[in-house]
Amino acid sequence: MTTEAESKLPTELLEKRAAEQRLRLHNSVSELRSSLAGLKSSVEENIRERLDVNRFARGHLWQLAAGVSVVALLAGHGVAGMFTRR
């Protein structure tokens, strides 16, 4: 409707339309909030699973053991090199 036609409508009808629009807007915002809350919890759970150190360590035990062994070997070689002359 145009502004001229709306200005000729009774005030009660315009108030009723405004109330209906507010209600639709409120419902849309409520739906959006609930869907975002569900998405947030899903993302948080996914992040927790991916950053679980214990689970990662169990899945990659041999790789972690090999890495720690190499680091220990290099550290031992470095410390021994400080006390020996070459």
PDB file of N, CA and C in Angstrom:
ATOM      1  N   MET A   1       0.831  -1.183   0.000  1.00  0.00           N
ATOM      2  CA  MET A   1       0.000   0.000   0.000  1.00  0.00           C
ATOM      3  C   MET A   1       0.874   1.244   0.000  1.00  0.00           C
ATOM      4  N   THR A   2       0.323   2.284  -0.480  1.00  0.00           N
ATOM      5  CA  THR A   2       1.056   3.540  -0.491  1.00  0.00           C
ATOM      6  C   THR A   2       0.851   4.261   0.824  1.00  0.00           C
ATOM      7  N   THR A   3       1.639   5.280   1.032  1.00  0.00           N
ATOM      8  CA  THR A   3       1.561   6.035   2.278  1.00  0.00           C
ATOM      9  C   THR A   3       0.221   6.768   2.383  1.00  0.00           C
ATOM     10  N   GLU A   4      -0.284   7.242   1.268  1.00  0.00           N
ATOM     11  CA  GLU A   4      -1.570   7.952   1.282  1.00  0.00           C
ATOM     12  C   GLU A   4      -2.697   7.008   1.665  1.00  0.00           C
ATOM     13  N   ALA A   5      -2.680   5.785   1.121  1.00  0.00           N
ATOM     14  CA  ALA A   5      -3.729   4.826   1.426  1.00  0.00           C
ATOM     15  C   ALA A   5      -3.635   4.374   2.873  1.00  0.00           C
ATOM     16  N   GLU A   6      -2.419   4.215   3.375  1.00  0.00           N
ATOM     17  CA  GLU A   6      -2.256   3.801   4.765  1.00  0.00           C
ATOM     18  C   GLU A   6      -2.718   4.884   5.725  1.00  0.00           C
ATOM     19  N   SER A   7      -2.539   6.128   5.366  1.00  0.00           N
ATOM     20  CA  SER A   7      -2.940   7.196   6.273  1.00  0.00           C
ATOM     21  C   SER A   7      -4.450   7.291   6.395  1.00  0.00           C
ATOM     22  N   LYS A   8      -5.202   6.721   5.431  1.00  0.00           N
ATOM     23  CA  LYS A   8      -6.663   6.754   5.487  1.00  0.00           C
ATOM     24  C   LYS A   8      -7.231   5.583   6.284  1.00  0.00           C
ATOM     25  N   LEU A   9      -6.390   4.566   6.591  1.00  0.00           N
ATOM     26  CA  LEU A   9      -6.861   3.413   7.354  1.00  0.00           C
ATOM     27  C   LEU A   9      -7.038   3.792   8.821  1.00  0.00           C
ATOM     28  N   PRO A  10      -7.941   3.112   9.494  1.00  0.00           N
ATOM     29  CA  PRO A  10      -8.153   3.398  10.922  1.00  0.00           C
ATOM     30  C   PRO A  10      -6.896   3.070  11.739  1.00  0.00           C
ATOM     31  N   THR A  11      -6.713   3.788  12.799  1.00  0.00           N
ATOM     32  CA  THR A  11      -5.541   3.629  13.660  1.00  0.00           C
ATOM     33  C   THR A  11      -5.486   2.235  14.271  1.00  0.00           C
ATOM     34  N   GLU A  12      -6.645   1.679  14.635  1.00  0.00           N
ATOM     35  CA  GLU A  12      -6.674   0.357  15.245  1.00  0.00           C
ATOM     36  C   GLU A  12      -6.125  -0.707  14.303  1.00  0.00           C
ATOM     37  N   LEU A  13      -6.458  -0.585  13.012  1.00  0.00           N
ATOM     38  CA  LEU A  13      -5.980  -1.551  12.040  1.00  0.00           C
ATOM     39  C   LEU A  13      -4.467  -1.442  11.877  1.00  0.00           C
ATOM     40  N   LEU A  14      -3.956  -0.241  11.839  1.00  0.00           N
ATOM     41  CA  LEU A  14      -2.517  -0.037  11.723  1.00  0.00           C
ATOM     42  C   LEU A  14      -1.783  -0.571  12.954  1.00  0.00           C
ATOM     43  N   GLU A  15      -2.367  -0.356  14.144  1.00  0.00           N
ATOM     44  CA  GLU A  15      -1.761  -0.877  15.368  1.00  0.00           C
ATOM     45  C   GLU A  15      -1.764  -2.405  15.376  1.00  0.00           C
ATOM     46  N   LYS A  16      -2.849  -2.989  14.849  1.00  0.00           N
ATOM     47  CA  LYS A  16      -2.943  -4.450  14.781  1.00  0.00           C
ATOM     48  C   LYS A  16      -1.866  -4.999  13.841  1.00  0.00           C
ATOM     49  N   ARG A  17      -1.684  -4.363  12.684  1.00  0.00           N
ATOM     50  CA  ARG A  17      -0.649  -4.791  11.747  1.00  0.00           C
ATOM     51  C   ARG A  17       0.745  -4.660  12.367  1.00  0.00           C
ATOM     52  N   ALA A  18       0.972  -3.565  13.063  1.00  0.00           N
ATOM     53  CA  ALA A  18       2.270  -3.362  13.703  1.00  0.00           C
ATOM     54  C   ALA A  18       2.520  -4.437  14.758  1.00  0.00           C
ATOM     55  N   ALA A  19       1.491  -4.795  15.522  1.00  0.00           N
ATOM     56  CA  ALA A  19       1.630  -5.831  16.543  1.00  0.00           C
ATOM     57  C   ALA A  19       1.940  -7.189  15.891  1.00  0.00           C
ATOM     58  N   GLU A  20       1.272  -7.482  14.759  1.00  0.00           N
ATOM     59  CA  GLU A  20       1.537  -8.739  14.055  1.00  0.00           C
ATOM     60  C   GLU A  20       2.968  -8.778  13.520  1.00  0.00           C
ATOM     61  N   GLN A  21       3.417  -7.666  12.983  1.00  0.00           N
ATOM     62  CA  GLN A  21       4.783  -7.604  12.465  1.00  0.00           C
ATOM     63  C   GLN A  21       5.801  -7.758  13.588  1.00  0.00           C
ATOM     64  N   ARG A  22       5.546  -7.144  14.739  1.00  0.00           N
ATOM     65  CA  ARG A  22       6.445  -7.305  15.892  1.00  0.00           C
ATOM     66  C   ARG A  22       6.496  -8.752  16.339  1.00  0.00           C
ATOM     67  N   LEU A  23       5.341  -9.405  16.359  1.00  0.00           N
ATOM     68  CA  LEU A  23       5.283 -10.812  16.760  1.00  0.00           C
ATOM     69  C   LEU A  23       6.062 -11.693  15.779  1.00  0.00           C
ATOM     70  N   ARG A  24       5.903 -11.450  14.470  1.00  0.00           N
ATOM     71  CA  ARG A  24       6.661 -12.224  13.480  1.00  0.00           C
ATOM     72  C   ARG A  24       8.156 -11.986  13.636  1.00  0.00           C
ATOM     73  N   LEU A  25       8.531 -10.738  13.852  1.00  0.00           N
ATOM     74  CA  LEU A  25       9.938 -10.407  14.038  1.00  0.00           C
ATOM     75  C   LEU A  25      10.489 -11.078  15.290  1.00  0.00           C
ATOM     76  N   HIS A  26       9.722 -11.036  16.365  1.00  0.00           N
ATOM     77  CA  HIS A  26      10.135 -11.681  17.617  1.00  0.00           C
ATOM     78  C   HIS A  26      10.325 -13.188  17.413  1.00  0.00           C
ATOM     79  N   ASN A  27       9.384 -13.818  16.698  1.00  0.00           N
ATOM     80  CA  ASN A  27       9.489 -15.263  16.438  1.00  0.00           C
ATOM     81  C   ASN A  27      10.704 -15.570  15.573  1.00  0.00           C
ATOM     82  N   SER A  28      10.965 -14.726  14.580  1.00  0.00           N
ATOM     83  CA  SER A  28      12.132 -14.947  13.717  1.00  0.00           C
ATOM     84  C   SER A  28      13.430 -14.838  14.520  1.00  0.00           C
ATOM     85  N   VAL A  29      13.509 -13.867  15.399  1.00  0.00           N
ATOM     86  CA  VAL A  29      14.698 -13.693  16.224  1.00  0.00           C
ATOM     87  C   VAL A  29      14.852 -14.874  17.174  1.00  0.00           C
ATOM     88  N   SER A  30      13.767 -15.345  17.735  1.00  0.00           N
ATOM     89  CA  SER A  30      13.825 -16.500  18.638  1.00  0.00           C
ATOM     90  C   SER A  30      14.314 -17.745  17.897  1.00  0.00           C
ATOM     91  N   GLU A  31      13.809 -17.968  16.686  1.00  0.00           N
ATOM     92  CA  GLU A  31      14.257 -19.109  15.891  1.00  0.00           C
ATOM     93  C   GLU A  31      15.741 -18.994  15.551  1.00  0.00           C
ATOM     94  N   LEU A  32      16.167 -17.803  15.196  1.00  0.00           N
ATOM     95  CA  LEU A  32      17.570 -17.584  14.864  1.00  0.00           C
ATOM     96  C   LEU A  32      18.459 -17.838  16.071  1.00  0.00           C
ATOM     97  N   ARG A  33      18.059 -17.348  17.229  1.00  0.00           N
ATOM     98  CA  ARG A  33      18.845 -17.576  18.446  1.00  0.00           C
ATOM     99  C   ARG A  33      18.957 -19.055  18.773  1.00  0.00           C
ATOM    100  N   SER A  34      17.846 -19.786  18.660  1.00  0.00           N
ATOM    101  CA  SER A  34      17.890 -21.217  18.990  1.00  0.00           C
ATOM    102  C   SER A  34      18.752 -21.978  17.991  1.00  0.00           C
ATOM    103  N   SER A  35      18.673 -21.620  16.717  1.00  0.00           N
ATOM    104  CA  SER A  35      19.509 -22.317  15.738  1.00  0.00           C
ATOM    105  C   SER A  35      20.983 -21.979  15.942  1.00  0.00           C
ATOM    106  N   LEU A  36      21.292 -20.742  16.312  1.00  0.00           N
ATOM    107  CA  LEU A  36      22.678 -20.375  16.579  1.00  0.00           C
ATOM    108  C   LEU A  36      23.207 -21.057  17.836  1.00  0.00           C
ATOM    109  N   ALA A  37      22.351 -21.230  18.836  1.00  0.00           N
ATOM    110  CA  ALA A  37      22.774 -21.927  20.051  1.00  0.00           C
ATOM    111  C   ALA A  37      23.100 -23.382  19.736  1.00  0.00           C
ATOM    112  N   GLY A  38      22.287 -24.019  18.898  1.00  0.00           N
ATOM    113  CA  GLY A  38      22.561 -25.391  18.497  1.00  0.00           C
ATOM    114  C   GLY A  38      23.849 -25.496  17.703  1.00  0.00           C
ATOM    115  N   LEU A  39      24.071 -24.545  16.811  1.00  0.00           N
ATOM    116  CA  LEU A  39      25.296 -24.530  16.019  1.00  0.00           C
ATOM    117  C   LEU A  39      26.514 -24.319  16.911  1.00  0.00           C
ATOM    118  N   LYS A  40      26.383 -23.422  17.893  1.00  0.00           N
ATOM    119  CA  LYS A  40      27.499 -23.156  18.813  1.00  0.00           C
ATOM    120  C   LYS A  40      27.873 -24.405  19.591  1.00  0.00           C
ATOM    121  N   SER A  41      26.881 -25.105  20.122  1.00  0.00           N
ATOM    122  CA  SER A  41      27.189 -26.316  20.894  1.00  0.00           C
ATOM    123  C   SER A  41      27.805 -27.392  20.009  1.00  0.00           C
ATOM    124  N   SER A  42      27.358 -27.483  18.769  1.00  0.00           N
ATOM    125  CA  SER A  42      27.925 -28.456  17.843  1.00  0.00           C
ATOM    126  C   SER A  42      29.381 -28.130  17.540  1.00  0.00           C
ATOM    127  N   VAL A  43      29.683 -26.865  17.306  1.00  0.00           N
ATOM    128  CA  VAL A  43      31.055 -26.449  17.018  1.00  0.00           C
ATOM    129  C   VAL A  43      31.939 -26.664  18.241  1.00  0.00           C
ATOM    130  N   GLU A  44      31.437 -26.331  19.426  1.00  0.00           N
ATOM    131  CA  GLU A  44      32.224 -26.527  20.649  1.00  0.00           C
ATOM    132  C   GLU A  44      32.561 -28.001  20.848  1.00  0.00           C
ATOM    133  N   GLU A  45      31.601 -28.879  20.614  1.00  0.00           N
ATOM    134  CA  GLU A  45      31.834 -30.312  20.775  1.00  0.00           C
ATOM    135  C   GLU A  45      32.863 -30.797  19.767  1.00  0.00           C
ATOM    136  N   ASN A  46      32.776 -30.322  18.539  1.00  0.00           N
ATOM    137  CA  ASN A  46      33.731 -30.711  17.507  1.00  0.00           C
ATOM    138  C   ASN A  46      35.143 -30.257  17.877  1.00  0.00           C
ATOM    139  N   ILE A  47      35.271 -29.061  18.400  1.00  0.00           N
ATOM    140  CA  ILE A  47      36.585 -28.538  18.799  1.00  0.00           C
ATOM    141  C   ILE A  47      37.137 -29.349  19.966  1.00  0.00           C
ATOM    142  N   ARG A  48      36.282 -29.670  20.930  1.00  0.00           N
ATOM    143  CA  ARG A  48      36.740 -30.475  22.073  1.00  0.00           C
ATOM    144  C   ARG A  48      37.267 -31.830  21.612  1.00  0.00           C
ATOM    145  N   GLU A  49      36.571 -32.439  20.664  1.00  0.00           N
ATOM    146  CA  GLU A  49      37.014 -33.740  20.166  1.00  0.00           C
ATOM    147  C   GLU A  49      38.360 -33.631  19.453  1.00  0.00           C
ATOM    148  N   ARG A  50      38.531 -32.601  18.646  1.00  0.00           N
ATOM    149  CA  ARG A  50      39.774 -32.458  17.880  1.00  0.00           C
ATOM    150  C   ARG A  50      40.962 -32.073  18.757  1.00  0.00           C
ATOM    151  N   LEU A  51      40.720 -31.372  19.864  1.00  0.00           N
ATOM    152  CA  LEU A  51      41.804 -30.924  20.731  1.00  0.00           C
ATOM    153  C   LEU A  51      42.004 -31.814  21.954  1.00  0.00           C
ATOM    154  N   ASP A  52      41.416 -32.997  21.948  1.00  0.00           N
ATOM    155  CA  ASP A  52      41.553 -33.927  23.068  1.00  0.00           C
ATOM    156  C   ASP A  52      42.947 -34.555  23.025  1.00  0.00           C
ATOM    157  N   VAL A  53      43.803 -34.146  23.963  1.00  0.00           N
ATOM    158  CA  VAL A  53      45.200 -34.590  23.972  1.00  0.00           C
ATOM    159  C   VAL A  53      45.299 -36.085  24.247  1.00  0.00           C
ATOM    160  N   ASN A  54      44.530 -36.588  25.186  1.00  0.00           N
ATOM    161  CA  ASN A  54      44.594 -38.020  25.512  1.00  0.00           C
ATOM    162  C   ASN A  54      44.214 -38.882  24.310  1.00  0.00           C
ATOM    163  N   ARG A  55      43.163 -38.498  23.630  1.00  0.00           N
ATOM    164  CA  ARG A  55      42.725 -39.258  22.456  1.00  0.00           C
ATOM    165  C   ARG A  55      43.788 -39.208  21.357  1.00  0.00           C
ATOM    166  N   PHE A  56      44.376 -38.042  21.140  1.00  0.00           N
ATOM    167  CA  PHE A  56      45.427 -37.905  20.140  1.00  0.00           C
ATOM    168  C   PHE A  56      46.633 -38.764  20.499  1.00  0.00           C
ATOM    169  N   ALA A  57      47.012 -38.740  21.784  1.00  0.00           N
ATOM    170  CA  ALA A  57      48.178 -39.511  22.220  1.00  0.00           C
ATOM    171  C   ALA A  57      47.949 -41.008  22.044  1.00  0.00           C
ATOM    172  N   ARG A  58      46.747 -41.475  22.346  1.00  0.00           N
ATOM    173  CA  ARG A  58      46.452 -42.900  22.168  1.00  0.00           C
ATOM    174  C   ARG A  58      46.495 -43.291  20.695  1.00  0.00           C
ATOM    175  N   GLY A  59      46.042 -42.402  19.847  1.00  0.00           N
ATOM    176  CA  GLY A  59      46.013 -42.709  18.418  1.00  0.00           C
ATOM    177  C   GLY A  59      47.378 -42.634  17.754  1.00  0.00           C
ATOM    178  N   HIS A  60      48.291 -41.871  18.315  1.00  0.00           N
ATOM    179  CA  HIS A  60      49.606 -41.667  17.706  1.00  0.00           C
ATOM    180  C   HIS A  60      50.731 -41.999  18.697  1.00  0.00           C
ATOM    181  N   LEU A  61      50.573 -43.080  19.435  1.00  0.00           N
ATOM    182  CA  LEU A  61      51.514 -43.422  20.500  1.00  0.00           C
ATOM    183  C   LEU A  61      52.922 -43.657  19.964  1.00  0.00           C
ATOM    184  N   TRP A  62      53.059 -44.436  18.899  1.00  0.00           N
ATOM    185  CA  TRP A  62      54.389 -44.765  18.390  1.00  0.00           C
ATOM    186  C   TRP A  62      55.088 -43.538  17.802  1.00  0.00           C
ATOM    187  N   GLN A  63      54.345 -42.676  17.133  1.00  0.00           N
ATOM    188  CA  GLN A  63      54.944 -41.464  16.586  1.00  0.00           C
ATOM    189  C   GLN A  63      55.415 -40.537  17.701  1.00  0.00           C
ATOM    190  N   LEU A  64      54.606 -40.420  18.744  1.00  0.00           N
ATOM    191  CA  LEU A  64      55.004 -39.584  19.880  1.00  0.00           C
ATOM    192  C   LEU A  64      56.225 -40.156  20.594  1.00  0.00           C
ATOM    193  N   ALA A  65      56.253 -41.471  20.766  1.00  0.00           N
ATOM    194  CA  ALA A  65      57.399 -42.110  21.428  1.00  0.00           C
ATOM    195  C   ALA A  65      58.671 -41.914  20.610  1.00  0.00           C
ATOM    196  N   ALA A  66      58.571 -42.028  19.290  1.00  0.00           N
ATOM    197  CA  ALA A  66      59.741 -41.829  18.434  1.00  0.00           C
ATOM    198  C   ALA A  66      60.216 -40.381  18.502  1.00  0.00           C
ATOM    199  N   GLY A  67      59.284 -39.451  18.503  1.00  0.00           N
ATOM    200  CA  GLY A  67      59.651 -38.031  18.590  1.00  0.00           C
ATOM    201  C   GLY A  67      60.327 -37.691  19.900  1.00  0.00           C
ATOM    202  N   VAL A  68      59.798 -38.198  20.981  1.00  0.00           N
ATOM    203  CA  VAL A  68      60.393 -37.944  22.296  1.00  0.00           C
ATOM    204  C   VAL A  68      61.769 -38.584  22.375  1.00  0.00           C
ATOM    205  N   SER A  69      61.924 -39.763  21.802  1.00  0.00           N
ATOM    206  CA  SER A  69      63.232 -40.440  21.815  1.00  0.00           C
ATOM    207  C   SER A  69      64.269 -39.628  21.046  1.00  0.00           C
ATOM    208  N   VAL A  70      63.894 -39.084  19.897  1.00  0.00           N
ATOM    209  CA  VAL A  70      64.835 -38.288  19.109  1.00  0.00           C
ATOM    210  C   VAL A  70      65.222 -37.025  19.870  1.00  0.00           C
ATOM    211  N   VAL A  71      64.255 -36.370  20.492  1.00  0.00           N
ATOM    212  CA  VAL A  71      64.555 -35.163  21.272  1.00  0.00           C
ATOM    213  C   VAL A  71      65.476 -35.506  22.439  1.00  0.00           C
ATOM    214  N   ALA A  72      65.217 -36.601  23.130  1.00  0.00           N
ATOM    215  CA  ALA A  72      66.071 -37.013  24.252  1.00  0.00           C
ATOM    216  C   ALA A  72      67.475 -37.344  23.771  1.00  0.00           C
ATOM    217  N   LEU A  73      67.598 -38.015  22.635  1.00  0.00           N
ATOM    218  CA  LEU A  73      68.905 -38.344  22.083  1.00  0.00           C
ATOM    219  C   LEU A  73      69.691 -37.076  21.744  1.00  0.00           C
ATOM    220  N   LEU A  74      69.038 -36.121  21.114  1.00  0.00           N
ATOM    221  CA  LEU A  74      69.714 -34.868  20.769  1.00  0.00           C
ATOM    222  C   LEU A  74      70.102 -34.072  22.011  1.00  0.00           C
ATOM    223  N   ALA A  75      69.232 -34.051  23.008  1.00  0.00           N
ATOM    224  CA  ALA A  75      69.548 -33.336  24.250  1.00  0.00           C
ATOM    225  C   ALA A  75      70.718 -34.011  24.964  1.00  0.00           C
ATOM    226  N   GLY A  76      70.720 -35.320  25.010  1.00  0.00           N
ATOM    227  CA  GLY A  76      71.829 -36.047  25.635  1.00  0.00           C
ATOM    228  C   GLY A  76      73.131 -35.816  24.896  1.00  0.00           C
ATOM    229  N   HIS A  77      73.086 -35.805  23.603  1.00  0.00           N
ATOM    230  CA  HIS A  77      74.286 -35.548  22.805  1.00  0.00           C
ATOM    231  C   HIS A  77      74.805 -34.131  23.057  1.00  0.00           C
ATOM    232  N   GLY A  78      73.894 -33.181  23.164  1.00  0.00           N
ATOM    233  CA  GLY A  78      74.292 -31.795  23.438  1.00  0.00           C
ATOM    234  C   GLY A  78      74.914 -31.632  24.810  1.00  0.00           C
ATOM    235  N   VAL A  79      74.327 -32.261  25.809  1.00  0.00           N
ATOM    236  CA  VAL A  79      74.862 -32.170  27.170  1.00  0.00           C
ATOM    237  C   VAL A  79      76.212 -32.882  27.243  1.00  0.00           C
ATOM    238  N   ALA A  80      76.339 -34.033  26.619  1.00  0.00           N
ATOM    239  CA  ALA A  80      77.610 -34.764  26.621  1.00  0.00           C
ATOM    240  C   ALA A  80      78.675 -33.955  25.880  1.00  0.00           C
ATOM    241  N   GLY A  81      78.293 -33.244  24.845  1.00  0.00           N
ATOM    242  CA  GLY A  81      79.239 -32.417  24.094  1.00  0.00           C
ATOM    243  C   GLY A  81      79.773 -31.263  24.917  1.00  0.00           C
ATOM    244  N   MET A  82      79.050 -30.805  25.913  1.00  0.00           N
ATOM    245  CA  MET A  82      79.530 -29.729  26.760  1.00  0.00           C
ATOM    246  C   MET A  82      80.661 -30.193  27.667  1.00  0.00           C
ATOM    247  N   PHE A  83      80.679 -31.479  28.010  1.00  0.00           N
ATOM    248  CA  PHE A  83      81.664 -31.987  28.944  1.00  0.00           C
ATOM    249  C   PHE A  83      82.849 -32.702  28.277  1.00  0.00           C
ATOM    250  N   THR A  84      82.789 -32.873  26.981  1.00  0.00           N
ATOM    251  CA  THR A  84      83.910 -33.526  26.284  1.00  0.00           C
ATOM    252  C   THR A  84      84.553 -32.531  25.322  1.00  0.00           C
ATOM    253  N   ARG A  85      85.834 -32.753  25.071  1.00  0.00           N
ATOM    254  CA  ARG A  85      86.543 -31.878  24.114  1.00  0.00           C
ATOM    255  C   ARG A  85      86.715 -32.642  22.816  1.00  0.00           C
ATOM    256  N   ARG A  86      86.544 -31.956  21.738  1.00  0.00           N
ATOM    257  CA  ARG A  86      86.778 -32.541  20.429  1.00  0.00           C
ATOM    258  C   ARG A  86      87.577 -31.614  19.607  1.00  0.00           C
TER     259      ARG A  86
END
